[in-house]
Amino acid sequence: MFGEVNAINPNLNVGTYKNTKQLGKDAFLRLLVTQMENQDPLNPMDNTKFVSQMAQFSALEQTTNLANSFDKFEKGFSASMQLQAASLIGEKASVLSNTVDVIAGKSGTIGFSLPDECLTYVKIFDKGGKLVDTEKLGWLSSGKHLYRWSATNDEGVQVPDGTYTFQVQAIKKDGTHLQISGSKGGTISAVKFEEGQIYVTINGVDYPLSKITQLFKG
């Protein structure tokens, strides 16, 4: 790439640079200048090689500048995303989950989406897997739905605070049984930034921002 080192001065000093796998543009230029300074006056570098090496230097410089510009853009974009995420504090949101929290005797919101009109049931289980309550929601239209559990068992007795698991079961008009993925809702109380990822805190639990399925009022 640089031709052969001239025999007049084989011990060339091109300055100190880091021993990396990629040659930076500054080291590239030092090597080129040093080669020109130590070339044999009786056998100088031909124009073709010189133009070729200058073209390589120009390409390397453009690549370095592009990488620096992208790095600045990435940092700016990350700061913008963090600022926008911080504005979510105090908002109500739903996140992908099959659990629902009971805090101070009140249940969080259970969310789900139906593909068709279905006869819909919600079953609630405690942390031991025991069925606590079954709620018949009746025939619901297709689309997104929000449901707030009463936080009572089948006998109408208030359940203890804690985290419960729920299942949404639906039956289509043709008799097909469906197991519906759910989400749970709550108020975003904090936003955290860890290892380049954004997390929101809902009911004391951290979720990746990507887990949010809906923001809503009320």
N, C-alpha and C. Protein backbone atom coordinates (compact mmCIF):
# COMPACT_ATOMS: atom_id res chain seq x y z
N MET A 1 0.82 -1.21 0.00
CA MET A 1 0.00 0.00 0.00
C MET A 1 0.85 1.26 0.00
N PHE A 2 1.96 1.26 0.78
CA PHE A 2 2.83 2.43 0.87
C PHE A 2 4.13 2.25 0.07
N GLY A 3 4.30 1.16 -0.61
CA GLY A 3 5.56 0.90 -1.31
C GLY A 3 6.61 0.38 -0.34
N GLU A 4 7.82 0.20 -0.80
CA GLU A 4 8.88 -0.32 0.05
C GLU A 4 9.57 0.81 0.80
N VAL A 5 10.03 0.54 2.03
CA VAL A 5 10.79 1.52 2.81
C VAL A 5 12.14 1.73 2.14
N ASN A 6 12.56 2.99 1.94
CA ASN A 6 13.80 3.30 1.24
C ASN A 6 15.01 2.82 2.02
N ALA A 7 15.99 2.32 1.31
CA ALA A 7 17.17 1.75 1.96
C ALA A 7 18.06 2.81 2.60
N ILE A 8 17.88 4.11 2.25
CA ILE A 8 18.72 5.16 2.81
C ILE A 8 18.49 5.29 4.31
N ASN A 9 17.20 5.14 4.74
CA ASN A 9 16.89 5.30 6.17
C ASN A 9 15.81 4.28 6.54
N PRO A 10 16.23 3.07 6.82
CA PRO A 10 15.23 2.04 7.11
C PRO A 10 14.57 2.18 8.47
N ASN A 11 15.17 2.93 9.40
CA ASN A 11 14.59 3.09 10.75
C ASN A 11 13.81 4.39 10.80
N LEU A 12 12.61 4.37 10.27
CA LEU A 12 11.81 5.59 10.18
C LEU A 12 11.10 5.85 11.49
N ASN A 13 11.05 7.12 11.87
CA ASN A 13 10.33 7.53 13.07
C ASN A 13 9.07 8.26 12.64
N VAL A 14 7.93 7.63 12.81
CA VAL A 14 6.67 8.23 12.37
C VAL A 14 5.85 8.72 13.55
N GLY A 15 6.45 8.87 14.69
CA GLY A 15 5.73 9.35 15.86
C GLY A 15 5.09 8.20 16.61
N THR A 16 4.46 8.53 17.69
CA THR A 16 3.83 7.52 18.54
C THR A 16 2.34 7.48 18.29
N TYR A 17 1.81 6.32 18.08
CA TYR A 17 0.36 6.19 17.97
C TYR A 17 -0.03 4.85 18.58
N LYS A 18 -1.34 4.75 18.89
CA LYS A 18 -1.83 3.56 19.57
C LYS A 18 -1.76 2.36 18.63
N ASN A 19 -1.44 1.23 19.21
CA ASN A 19 -1.36 -0.01 18.44
C ASN A 19 -2.76 -0.60 18.32
N THR A 20 -3.51 -0.12 17.33
CA THR A 20 -4.86 -0.59 17.10
C THR A 20 -4.93 -1.33 15.79
N LYS A 21 -6.02 -2.04 15.57
CA LYS A 21 -6.19 -2.80 14.35
C LYS A 21 -6.45 -1.90 13.15
N GLN A 22 -6.99 -0.68 13.40
CA GLN A 22 -7.29 0.25 12.33
C GLN A 22 -6.33 1.42 12.39
N LEU A 23 -5.86 1.86 11.23
CA LEU A 23 -4.92 2.98 11.15
C LEU A 23 -5.69 4.27 11.04
N GLY A 24 -5.52 5.17 12.01
CA GLY A 24 -6.21 6.45 12.00
C GLY A 24 -5.68 7.37 10.92
N LYS A 25 -6.43 8.44 10.64
CA LYS A 25 -6.02 9.33 9.54
C LYS A 25 -4.73 10.08 9.88
N ASP A 26 -4.50 10.43 11.17
CA ASP A 26 -3.28 11.15 11.55
C ASP A 26 -2.05 10.27 11.33
N ALA A 27 -2.13 9.00 11.77
CA ALA A 27 -1.01 8.07 11.58
C ALA A 27 -0.78 7.82 10.10
N PHE A 28 -1.88 7.71 9.35
CA PHE A 28 -1.78 7.51 7.90
C PHE A 28 -0.99 8.66 7.26
N LEU A 29 -1.35 9.91 7.64
CA LEU A 29 -0.68 11.07 7.06
C LEU A 29 0.78 11.12 7.47
N ARG A 30 1.11 10.79 8.73
CA ARG A 30 2.49 10.79 9.18
C ARG A 30 3.33 9.80 8.39
N LEU A 31 2.75 8.61 8.16
CA LEU A 31 3.46 7.61 7.37
C LEU A 31 3.73 8.10 5.95
N LEU A 32 2.71 8.74 5.36
CA LEU A 32 2.86 9.23 4.00
C LEU A 32 3.92 10.32 3.90
N VAL A 33 3.88 11.30 4.85
CA VAL A 33 4.85 12.39 4.85
C VAL A 33 6.26 11.86 5.10
N THR A 34 6.40 10.95 6.07
CA THR A 34 7.71 10.38 6.38
C THR A 34 8.27 9.62 5.19
N GLN A 35 7.41 8.89 4.49
CA GLN A 35 7.85 8.16 3.31
C GLN A 35 8.37 9.12 2.24
N MET A 36 7.66 10.25 2.06
CA MET A 36 8.09 11.23 1.05
C MET A 36 9.42 11.87 1.45
N GLU A 37 9.58 12.17 2.77
CA GLU A 37 10.81 12.81 3.24
C GLU A 37 12.02 11.90 3.08
N ASN A 38 11.81 10.60 3.15
CA ASN A 38 12.92 9.65 3.14
C ASN A 38 13.04 8.89 1.82
N GLN A 39 12.32 9.33 0.80
CA GLN A 39 12.42 8.62 -0.46
C GLN A 39 13.77 8.90 -1.14
N ASP A 40 14.17 8.03 -2.00
CA ASP A 40 15.42 8.16 -2.75
C ASP A 40 15.25 9.23 -3.81
N PRO A 41 16.02 10.33 -3.73
CA PRO A 41 15.88 11.39 -4.74
C PRO A 41 16.09 10.88 -6.15
N LEU A 42 16.88 9.80 -6.29
CA LEU A 42 17.14 9.26 -7.63
C LEU A 42 16.03 8.33 -8.09
N ASN A 43 15.16 7.95 -7.12
CA ASN A 43 14.06 7.05 -7.49
C ASN A 43 12.81 7.46 -6.70
N PRO A 44 12.29 8.67 -6.94
CA PRO A 44 11.15 9.16 -6.16
C PRO A 44 9.88 8.38 -6.46
N MET A 45 8.93 8.56 -5.56
CA MET A 45 7.63 7.92 -5.73
C MET A 45 6.98 8.44 -7.01
N ASP A 46 6.43 7.53 -7.82
CA ASP A 46 5.80 8.01 -9.05
C ASP A 46 4.45 8.65 -8.73
N ASN A 47 3.98 9.46 -9.67
CA ASN A 47 2.75 10.22 -9.46
C ASN A 47 1.53 9.33 -9.23
N THR A 48 1.52 8.20 -9.90
CA THR A 48 0.36 7.31 -9.77
C THR A 48 0.20 6.81 -8.34
N LYS A 49 1.34 6.38 -7.73
CA LYS A 49 1.29 5.91 -6.34
C LYS A 49 0.93 7.04 -5.40
N PHE A 50 1.47 8.24 -5.66
CA PHE A 50 1.20 9.38 -4.78
C PHE A 50 -0.29 9.74 -4.82
N VAL A 51 -0.85 9.83 -6.03
CA VAL A 51 -2.27 10.16 -6.17
C VAL A 51 -3.13 9.08 -5.51
N SER A 52 -2.74 7.81 -5.67
CA SER A 52 -3.49 6.71 -5.09
C SER A 52 -3.50 6.80 -3.57
N GLN A 53 -2.33 7.12 -2.97
CA GLN A 53 -2.25 7.20 -1.52
C GLN A 53 -2.99 8.42 -1.00
N MET A 54 -2.97 9.52 -1.71
CA MET A 54 -3.73 10.70 -1.31
C MET A 54 -5.23 10.43 -1.37
N ALA A 55 -5.64 9.66 -2.37
CA ALA A 55 -7.06 9.30 -2.48
C ALA A 55 -7.48 8.43 -1.30
N GLN A 56 -6.59 7.51 -0.92
CA GLN A 56 -6.89 6.67 0.24
C GLN A 56 -6.98 7.50 1.52
N PHE A 57 -6.08 8.48 1.65
CA PHE A 57 -6.12 9.35 2.82
C PHE A 57 -7.42 10.14 2.85
N SER A 58 -7.84 10.67 1.70
CA SER A 58 -9.07 11.45 1.62
C SER A 58 -10.28 10.60 2.02
N ALA A 59 -10.30 9.34 1.53
CA ALA A 59 -11.40 8.44 1.87
C ALA A 59 -11.41 8.13 3.36
N LEU A 60 -10.21 7.92 3.94
CA LEU A 60 -10.11 7.64 5.37
C LEU A 60 -10.59 8.82 6.19
N GLU A 61 -10.21 10.04 5.76
CA GLU A 61 -10.63 11.24 6.48
C GLU A 61 -12.14 11.40 6.43
N GLN A 62 -12.74 11.17 5.28
CA GLN A 62 -14.19 11.29 5.16
C GLN A 62 -14.91 10.27 6.03
N THR A 63 -14.37 9.05 6.07
CA THR A 63 -14.97 8.01 6.91
C THR A 63 -14.88 8.39 8.39
N THR A 64 -13.72 8.94 8.80
CA THR A 64 -13.54 9.35 10.19
C THR A 64 -14.50 10.48 10.55
N ASN A 65 -14.62 11.47 9.66
CA ASN A 65 -15.53 12.59 9.90
C ASN A 65 -16.98 12.12 9.98
N LEU A 66 -17.33 11.16 9.10
CA LEU A 66 -18.69 10.62 9.12
C LEU A 66 -18.97 9.90 10.43
N ALA A 67 -17.99 9.12 10.91
CA ALA A 67 -18.16 8.41 12.17
C ALA A 67 -18.32 9.38 13.33
N ASN A 68 -17.53 10.48 13.32
CA ASN A 68 -17.64 11.48 14.38
C ASN A 68 -18.99 12.17 14.34
N SER A 69 -19.47 12.46 13.13
CA SER A 69 -20.77 13.12 12.99
C SER A 69 -21.89 12.21 13.48
N PHE A 70 -21.79 10.92 13.14
CA PHE A 70 -22.80 9.97 13.58
C PHE A 70 -22.80 9.83 15.10
N ASP A 71 -21.60 9.85 15.70
CA ASP A 71 -21.49 9.74 17.15
C ASP A 71 -22.17 10.93 17.83
N LYS A 72 -21.96 12.14 17.26
CA LYS A 72 -22.61 13.34 17.81
C LYS A 72 -24.13 13.24 17.66
N PHE A 73 -24.58 12.76 16.50
CA PHE A 73 -26.01 12.60 16.27
C PHE A 73 -26.62 11.61 17.25
N GLU A 74 -25.92 10.49 17.45
CA GLU A 74 -26.41 9.44 18.35
C GLU A 74 -26.55 9.97 19.78
N LYS A 75 -25.54 10.75 20.23
CA LYS A 75 -25.60 11.31 21.58
C LYS A 75 -26.74 12.31 21.71
N GLY A 76 -26.91 13.13 20.67
CA GLY A 76 -27.99 14.11 20.69
C GLY A 76 -29.35 13.44 20.66
N PHE A 77 -29.48 12.38 19.85
CA PHE A 77 -30.74 11.65 19.76
C PHE A 77 -31.07 10.98 21.09
N SER A 78 -30.04 10.40 21.73
CA SER A 78 -30.24 9.74 23.03
C SER A 78 -30.70 10.74 24.08
N ALA A 79 -30.10 11.94 24.10
CA ALA A 79 -30.49 12.97 25.06
C ALA A 79 -31.93 13.40 24.81
N SER A 80 -32.31 13.52 23.54
CA SER A 80 -33.68 13.90 23.19
C SER A 80 -34.68 12.84 23.65
N MET A 81 -34.34 11.57 23.45
CA MET A 81 -35.21 10.48 23.87
C MET A 81 -35.36 10.46 25.39
N GLN A 82 -34.28 10.72 26.11
CA GLN A 82 -34.34 10.74 27.57
C GLN A 82 -35.24 11.88 28.05
N LEU A 83 -35.14 13.03 27.40
CA LEU A 83 -35.96 14.18 27.78
C LEU A 83 -37.44 13.88 27.54
N GLN A 84 -37.74 13.27 26.40
CA GLN A 84 -39.13 12.92 26.10
C GLN A 84 -39.66 11.87 27.07
N ALA A 85 -38.81 10.89 27.39
CA ALA A 85 -39.23 9.83 28.32
C ALA A 85 -39.53 10.41 29.70
N ALA A 86 -38.73 11.38 30.13
CA ALA A 86 -38.94 11.99 31.45
C ALA A 86 -40.30 12.67 31.53
N SER A 87 -40.81 13.13 30.40
CA SER A 87 -42.11 13.80 30.39
C SER A 87 -43.27 12.83 30.64
N LEU A 88 -42.98 11.51 30.64
CA LEU A 88 -44.03 10.51 30.87
C LEU A 88 -44.37 10.35 32.34
N ILE A 89 -43.53 10.87 33.23
CA ILE A 89 -43.79 10.74 34.66
C ILE A 89 -45.15 11.35 35.01
N GLY A 90 -45.97 10.58 35.69
CA GLY A 90 -47.31 11.03 36.06
C GLY A 90 -48.38 10.56 35.09
N GLU A 91 -47.98 10.05 33.92
CA GLU A 91 -48.94 9.55 32.94
C GLU A 91 -49.37 8.13 33.31
N LYS A 92 -50.57 7.75 32.86
CA LYS A 92 -51.05 6.39 33.05
C LYS A 92 -50.71 5.58 31.80
N ALA A 93 -50.27 4.35 32.01
CA ALA A 93 -49.82 3.53 30.89
C ALA A 93 -50.15 2.07 31.11
N SER A 94 -50.20 1.34 30.00
CA SER A 94 -50.34 -0.11 30.04
C SER A 94 -49.06 -0.73 29.51
N VAL A 95 -48.62 -1.82 30.15
CA VAL A 95 -47.42 -2.54 29.71
C VAL A 95 -47.77 -4.01 29.53
N LEU A 96 -47.06 -4.67 28.61
CA LEU A 96 -47.28 -6.09 28.38
C LEU A 96 -47.00 -6.87 29.66
N SER A 97 -48.00 -7.59 30.15
CA SER A 97 -47.84 -8.34 31.39
C SER A 97 -49.06 -9.20 31.62
N ASN A 98 -48.90 -10.28 32.38
CA ASN A 98 -50.04 -11.09 32.79
C ASN A 98 -50.21 -11.05 34.30
N THR A 99 -49.72 -9.96 34.90
CA THR A 99 -49.90 -9.77 36.34
C THR A 99 -50.63 -8.46 36.60
N VAL A 100 -51.28 -8.40 37.75
CA VAL A 100 -51.97 -7.19 38.17
C VAL A 100 -51.66 -6.95 39.64
N ASP A 101 -51.44 -5.71 40.02
CA ASP A 101 -51.06 -5.38 41.39
C ASP A 101 -52.26 -4.84 42.17
N VAL A 102 -52.36 -5.26 43.41
CA VAL A 102 -53.35 -4.70 44.34
C VAL A 102 -52.57 -3.88 45.36
N ILE A 103 -52.81 -2.59 45.38
CA ILE A 103 -52.12 -1.67 46.29
C ILE A 103 -53.15 -0.88 47.08
N ALA A 104 -53.03 -0.93 48.40
CA ALA A 104 -53.98 -0.23 49.29
C ALA A 104 -55.42 -0.64 48.97
N GLY A 105 -55.60 -1.93 48.66
CA GLY A 105 -56.94 -2.46 48.44
C GLY A 105 -57.51 -2.19 47.06
N LYS A 106 -56.73 -1.55 46.18
CA LYS A 106 -57.24 -1.24 44.84
C LYS A 106 -56.40 -1.93 43.78
N SER A 107 -57.10 -2.45 42.78
CA SER A 107 -56.43 -3.18 41.71
C SER A 107 -55.99 -2.24 40.60
N GLY A 108 -54.89 -2.63 39.96
CA GLY A 108 -54.47 -1.92 38.76
C GLY A 108 -55.38 -2.28 37.60
N THR A 109 -55.14 -1.68 36.46
CA THR A 109 -55.97 -1.92 35.28
C THR A 109 -55.45 -3.10 34.47
N ILE A 110 -56.37 -3.95 34.04
CA ILE A 110 -56.05 -5.07 33.16
C ILE A 110 -56.45 -4.68 31.74
N GLY A 111 -55.53 -4.81 30.81
CA GLY A 111 -55.82 -4.48 29.43
C GLY A 111 -55.67 -5.69 28.53
N PHE A 112 -56.45 -5.74 27.46
CA PHE A 112 -56.35 -6.83 26.49
C PHE A 112 -57.02 -6.39 25.19
N SER A 113 -56.75 -7.14 24.15
CA SER A 113 -57.31 -6.83 22.84
C SER A 113 -57.93 -8.08 22.24
N LEU A 114 -59.16 -7.96 21.75
CA LEU A 114 -59.87 -9.10 21.18
C LEU A 114 -59.86 -9.02 19.65
N PRO A 115 -59.63 -10.16 18.97
CA PRO A 115 -59.61 -10.15 17.51
C PRO A 115 -61.01 -10.10 16.90
N ASP A 116 -62.00 -10.59 17.66
CA ASP A 116 -63.40 -10.62 17.20
C ASP A 116 -64.31 -10.41 18.41
N GLU A 117 -65.58 -10.29 18.15
CA GLU A 117 -66.54 -10.23 19.26
C GLU A 117 -66.50 -11.57 19.98
N CYS A 118 -66.33 -11.52 21.31
CA CYS A 118 -66.14 -12.74 22.08
C CYS A 118 -66.86 -12.67 23.43
N LEU A 119 -67.24 -13.83 23.93
CA LEU A 119 -67.68 -13.97 25.31
C LEU A 119 -66.40 -14.06 26.14
N THR A 120 -66.24 -13.12 27.07
CA THR A 120 -64.92 -12.94 27.69
C THR A 120 -64.96 -13.15 29.20
N TYR A 121 -63.93 -13.84 29.69
CA TYR A 121 -63.77 -14.09 31.12
C TYR A 121 -62.36 -13.64 31.55
N VAL A 122 -62.25 -13.18 32.78
CA VAL A 122 -60.95 -12.89 33.38
C VAL A 122 -60.82 -13.73 34.64
N LYS A 123 -59.75 -14.52 34.71
CA LYS A 123 -59.48 -15.34 35.89
C LYS A 123 -58.27 -14.80 36.62
N ILE A 124 -58.37 -14.71 37.95
CA ILE A 124 -57.30 -14.16 38.79
C ILE A 124 -56.74 -15.26 39.68
N PHE A 125 -55.40 -15.35 39.74
CA PHE A 125 -54.73 -16.36 40.55
C PHE A 125 -53.77 -15.69 41.53
N ASP A 126 -53.62 -16.30 42.72
CA ASP A 126 -52.66 -15.75 43.67
C ASP A 126 -51.25 -16.24 43.32
N LYS A 127 -50.24 -15.83 44.11
CA LYS A 127 -48.86 -16.18 43.78
C LYS A 127 -48.59 -17.67 43.86
N GLY A 128 -49.46 -18.41 44.54
CA GLY A 128 -49.33 -19.86 44.63
C GLY A 128 -50.03 -20.59 43.50
N GLY A 129 -50.67 -19.83 42.60
CA GLY A 129 -51.37 -20.44 41.47
C GLY A 129 -52.80 -20.83 41.76
N LYS A 130 -53.32 -20.49 42.95
CA LYS A 130 -54.70 -20.82 43.31
C LYS A 130 -55.67 -19.82 42.71
N LEU A 131 -56.78 -20.33 42.13
CA LEU A 131 -57.78 -19.46 41.54
C LEU A 131 -58.46 -18.64 42.63
N VAL A 132 -58.43 -17.33 42.47
CA VAL A 132 -58.99 -16.41 43.47
C VAL A 132 -60.36 -15.90 43.05
N ASP A 133 -60.48 -15.56 41.76
CA ASP A 133 -61.73 -14.95 41.29
C ASP A 133 -61.89 -15.19 39.80
N THR A 134 -63.14 -15.33 39.38
CA THR A 134 -63.47 -15.42 37.96
C THR A 134 -64.50 -14.36 37.64
N GLU A 135 -64.20 -13.50 36.70
CA GLU A 135 -65.11 -12.42 36.32
C GLU A 135 -65.62 -12.66 34.90
N LYS A 136 -66.93 -12.72 34.75
CA LYS A 136 -67.53 -12.85 33.42
C LYS A 136 -67.84 -11.44 32.91
N LEU A 137 -67.15 -11.06 31.83
CA LEU A 137 -67.32 -9.71 31.29
C LEU A 137 -68.39 -9.65 30.21
N GLY A 138 -68.88 -10.82 29.80
CA GLY A 138 -69.92 -10.86 28.77
C GLY A 138 -69.35 -10.74 27.37
N TRP A 139 -70.26 -10.44 26.44
CA TRP A 139 -69.84 -10.31 25.04
C TRP A 139 -69.21 -8.94 24.81
N LEU A 140 -67.99 -8.96 24.35
CA LEU A 140 -67.26 -7.71 24.08
C LEU A 140 -66.89 -7.65 22.60
N SER A 141 -66.88 -6.44 22.08
CA SER A 141 -66.55 -6.24 20.67
C SER A 141 -65.05 -6.42 20.44
N SER A 142 -64.67 -6.53 19.19
CA SER A 142 -63.24 -6.63 18.86
C SER A 142 -62.55 -5.31 19.19
N GLY A 143 -61.26 -5.40 19.45
CA GLY A 143 -60.50 -4.20 19.77
C GLY A 143 -59.96 -4.21 21.19
N LYS A 144 -59.44 -3.05 21.63
CA LYS A 144 -58.81 -2.93 22.95
C LYS A 144 -59.84 -2.68 24.04
N HIS A 145 -59.57 -3.29 25.21
CA HIS A 145 -60.46 -3.13 26.35
C HIS A 145 -59.63 -2.96 27.62
N LEU A 146 -60.17 -2.20 28.56
CA LEU A 146 -59.57 -2.02 29.88
C LEU A 146 -60.55 -2.48 30.94
N TYR A 147 -60.04 -3.21 31.93
CA TYR A 147 -60.89 -3.73 32.99
C TYR A 147 -60.18 -3.56 34.32
N ARG A 148 -60.91 -3.03 35.32
CA ARG A 148 -60.35 -2.90 36.66
C ARG A 148 -61.02 -3.91 37.59
N TRP A 149 -60.23 -4.84 38.04
CA TRP A 149 -60.71 -5.89 38.95
C TRP A 149 -61.14 -5.28 40.27
N SER A 150 -62.13 -5.90 40.90
CA SER A 150 -62.66 -5.39 42.18
C SER A 150 -61.73 -5.68 43.35
N ALA A 151 -60.69 -6.49 43.13
CA ALA A 151 -59.74 -6.88 44.20
C ALA A 151 -60.44 -7.64 45.31
N THR A 152 -61.46 -8.43 44.92
CA THR A 152 -62.15 -9.31 45.87
C THR A 152 -62.16 -10.72 45.30
N ASN A 153 -62.31 -11.72 46.17
CA ASN A 153 -62.36 -13.10 45.70
C ASN A 153 -63.77 -13.48 45.27
N ASP A 154 -63.96 -14.77 44.95
CA ASP A 154 -65.27 -15.24 44.48
C ASP A 154 -66.38 -15.01 45.50
N GLU A 155 -66.02 -14.89 46.78
CA GLU A 155 -67.02 -14.69 47.83
C GLU A 155 -67.20 -13.22 48.16
N GLY A 156 -66.53 -12.35 47.43
CA GLY A 156 -66.69 -10.92 47.66
C GLY A 156 -65.83 -10.37 48.78
N VAL A 157 -64.86 -11.16 49.24
CA VAL A 157 -63.98 -10.74 50.33
C VAL A 157 -62.74 -10.05 49.75
N GLN A 158 -62.38 -8.91 50.37
CA GLN A 158 -61.21 -8.18 49.92
C GLN A 158 -59.95 -9.04 49.99
N VAL A 159 -59.14 -9.04 48.93
CA VAL A 159 -57.92 -9.83 48.91
C VAL A 159 -56.76 -8.99 49.45
N PRO A 160 -55.71 -9.62 49.95
CA PRO A 160 -54.56 -8.87 50.45
C PRO A 160 -53.83 -8.15 49.32
N ASP A 161 -53.13 -7.09 49.67
CA ASP A 161 -52.29 -6.41 48.69
C ASP A 161 -51.23 -7.37 48.18
N GLY A 162 -50.84 -7.19 46.95
CA GLY A 162 -49.81 -8.05 46.37
C GLY A 162 -49.95 -8.12 44.86
N THR A 163 -49.18 -8.99 44.25
CA THR A 163 -49.20 -9.18 42.80
C THR A 163 -49.92 -10.47 42.47
N TYR A 164 -50.88 -10.39 41.58
CA TYR A 164 -51.68 -11.53 41.16
C TYR A 164 -51.49 -11.78 39.66
N THR A 165 -51.70 -13.03 39.27
CA THR A 165 -51.62 -13.39 37.85
C THR A 165 -53.03 -13.47 37.28
N PHE A 166 -53.19 -13.04 36.05
CA PHE A 166 -54.52 -13.12 35.43
C PHE A 166 -54.44 -13.81 34.07
N GLN A 167 -55.57 -14.38 33.69
CA GLN A 167 -55.75 -14.96 32.36
C GLN A 167 -57.00 -14.36 31.74
N VAL A 168 -56.91 -14.01 30.48
CA VAL A 168 -58.09 -13.55 29.74
C VAL A 168 -58.47 -14.66 28.78
N GLN A 169 -59.66 -15.22 28.98
CA GLN A 169 -60.14 -16.30 28.14
C GLN A 169 -61.35 -15.82 27.36
N ALA A 170 -61.38 -16.13 26.07
CA ALA A 170 -62.46 -15.64 25.22
C ALA A 170 -63.00 -16.78 24.36
N ILE A 171 -64.29 -16.70 24.05
CA ILE A 171 -64.94 -17.69 23.20
C ILE A 171 -65.61 -16.96 22.04
N LYS A 172 -65.21 -17.30 20.83
CA LYS A 172 -65.80 -16.68 19.65
C LYS A 172 -67.20 -17.27 19.38
N LYS A 173 -67.93 -16.64 18.48
CA LYS A 173 -69.30 -17.09 18.19
C LYS A 173 -69.33 -18.48 17.59
N ASP A 174 -68.25 -18.88 16.93
CA ASP A 174 -68.21 -20.23 16.35
C ASP A 174 -67.75 -21.28 17.35
N GLY A 175 -67.54 -20.87 18.61
CA GLY A 175 -67.15 -21.81 19.66
C GLY A 175 -65.65 -21.93 19.87
N THR A 176 -64.86 -21.22 19.08
CA THR A 176 -63.41 -21.28 19.23
C THR A 176 -62.97 -20.61 20.53
N HIS A 177 -62.14 -21.32 21.31
CA HIS A 177 -61.63 -20.79 22.57
C HIS A 177 -60.28 -20.09 22.34
N LEU A 178 -60.10 -18.92 22.93
CA LEU A 178 -58.88 -18.15 22.76
C LEU A 178 -58.26 -17.80 24.11
N GLN A 179 -56.94 -17.85 24.17
CA GLN A 179 -56.20 -17.36 25.33
C GLN A 179 -55.59 -16.03 24.91
N ILE A 180 -55.99 -14.95 25.54
CA ILE A 180 -55.63 -13.61 25.10
C ILE A 180 -54.47 -13.06 25.95
N SER A 181 -53.46 -12.54 25.25
CA SER A 181 -52.36 -11.88 25.97
C SER A 181 -52.87 -10.61 26.63
N GLY A 182 -52.30 -10.32 27.79
CA GLY A 182 -52.80 -9.17 28.53
C GLY A 182 -51.76 -8.10 28.78
N SER A 183 -52.22 -7.03 29.37
CA SER A 183 -51.34 -5.95 29.81
C SER A 183 -51.90 -5.41 31.11
N LYS A 184 -51.08 -4.70 31.83
CA LYS A 184 -51.58 -4.10 33.07
C LYS A 184 -51.25 -2.63 33.06
N GLY A 185 -52.07 -1.87 33.79
CA GLY A 185 -51.89 -0.43 33.78
C GLY A 185 -51.56 0.13 35.14
N GLY A 186 -51.06 1.35 35.12
CA GLY A 186 -50.72 2.06 36.34
C GLY A 186 -50.12 3.40 35.99
N THR A 187 -49.73 4.13 37.00
CA THR A 187 -49.14 5.45 36.80
C THR A 187 -47.62 5.35 36.76
N ILE A 188 -47.01 6.00 35.77
CA ILE A 188 -45.55 6.02 35.67
C ILE A 188 -45.01 6.95 36.75
N SER A 189 -44.28 6.38 37.70
CA SER A 189 -43.79 7.18 38.83
C SER A 189 -42.34 7.62 38.66
N ALA A 190 -41.61 6.96 37.75
CA ALA A 190 -40.20 7.31 37.56
C ALA A 190 -39.74 6.82 36.20
N VAL A 191 -38.68 7.44 35.70
CA VAL A 191 -38.03 7.02 34.45
C VAL A 191 -36.56 6.82 34.75
N LYS A 192 -36.00 5.69 34.31
CA LYS A 192 -34.61 5.38 34.59
C LYS A 192 -33.85 5.14 33.28
N PHE A 193 -32.55 5.44 33.31
CA PHE A 193 -31.69 5.24 32.15
C PHE A 193 -30.52 4.35 32.57
N GLU A 194 -30.48 3.15 32.02
CA GLU A 194 -29.44 2.19 32.38
C GLU A 194 -28.88 1.53 31.14
N GLU A 195 -27.55 1.62 30.95
CA GLU A 195 -26.85 0.97 29.85
C GLU A 195 -27.50 1.26 28.50
N GLY A 196 -27.85 2.52 28.30
CA GLY A 196 -28.43 2.93 27.03
C GLY A 196 -29.90 2.60 26.86
N GLN A 197 -30.51 1.98 27.87
CA GLN A 197 -31.92 1.62 27.80
C GLN A 197 -32.75 2.54 28.70
N ILE A 198 -34.00 2.75 28.31
CA ILE A 198 -34.92 3.58 29.09
C ILE A 198 -35.96 2.68 29.75
N TYR A 199 -36.14 2.85 31.05
CA TYR A 199 -37.11 2.06 31.80
C TYR A 199 -38.10 3.00 32.49
N VAL A 200 -39.35 2.54 32.58
CA VAL A 200 -40.36 3.29 33.33
C VAL A 200 -40.77 2.45 34.54
N THR A 201 -41.06 3.14 35.63
CA THR A 201 -41.48 2.47 36.86
C THR A 201 -42.98 2.60 37.02
N ILE A 202 -43.66 1.45 37.08
CA ILE A 202 -45.12 1.41 37.26
C ILE A 202 -45.43 0.49 38.42
N ASN A 203 -46.10 1.03 39.42
CA ASN A 203 -46.43 0.26 40.63
C ASN A 203 -45.20 -0.38 41.25
N GLY A 204 -44.07 0.35 41.22
CA GLY A 204 -42.85 -0.11 41.86
C GLY A 204 -42.03 -1.10 41.05
N VAL A 205 -42.46 -1.40 39.83
CA VAL A 205 -41.75 -2.36 38.98
C VAL A 205 -41.21 -1.63 37.74
N ASP A 206 -39.96 -1.94 37.35
CA ASP A 206 -39.35 -1.31 36.18
C ASP A 206 -39.64 -2.12 34.92
N TYR A 207 -40.04 -1.41 33.85
CA TYR A 207 -40.31 -2.04 32.57
C TYR A 207 -39.57 -1.29 31.47
N PRO A 208 -39.03 -2.01 30.46
CA PRO A 208 -38.44 -1.32 29.31
C PRO A 208 -39.50 -0.45 28.64
N LEU A 209 -39.09 0.68 28.12
CA LEU A 209 -40.02 1.59 27.47
C LEU A 209 -40.77 0.88 26.34
N SER A 210 -40.11 -0.07 25.69
CA SER A 210 -40.73 -0.79 24.58
C SER A 210 -41.93 -1.65 25.02
N LYS A 211 -42.05 -1.90 26.33
CA LYS A 211 -43.16 -2.72 26.83
C LYS A 211 -44.47 -1.94 26.93
N ILE A 212 -44.40 -0.62 26.84
CA ILE A 212 -45.63 0.19 26.92
C ILE A 212 -46.46 -0.05 25.68
N THR A 213 -47.73 -0.42 25.90
CA THR A 213 -48.64 -0.67 24.79
C THR A 213 -49.64 0.46 24.60
N GLN A 214 -49.86 1.27 25.66
CA GLN A 214 -50.87 2.32 25.55
C GLN A 214 -50.67 3.36 26.65
N LEU A 215 -50.88 4.62 26.29
CA LEU A 215 -50.97 5.71 27.26
C LEU A 215 -52.42 6.18 27.26
N PHE A 216 -52.97 6.42 28.45
CA PHE A 216 -54.37 6.78 28.51
C PHE A 216 -54.65 7.73 29.66
N LYS A 217 -55.80 8.36 29.62
CA LYS A 217 -56.24 9.29 30.64
C LYS A 217 -57.23 8.60 31.58
N GLY A 218 -57.30 9.13 32.80
CA GLY A 218 -58.29 8.64 33.74
C GLY A 218 -57.79 7.48 34.58
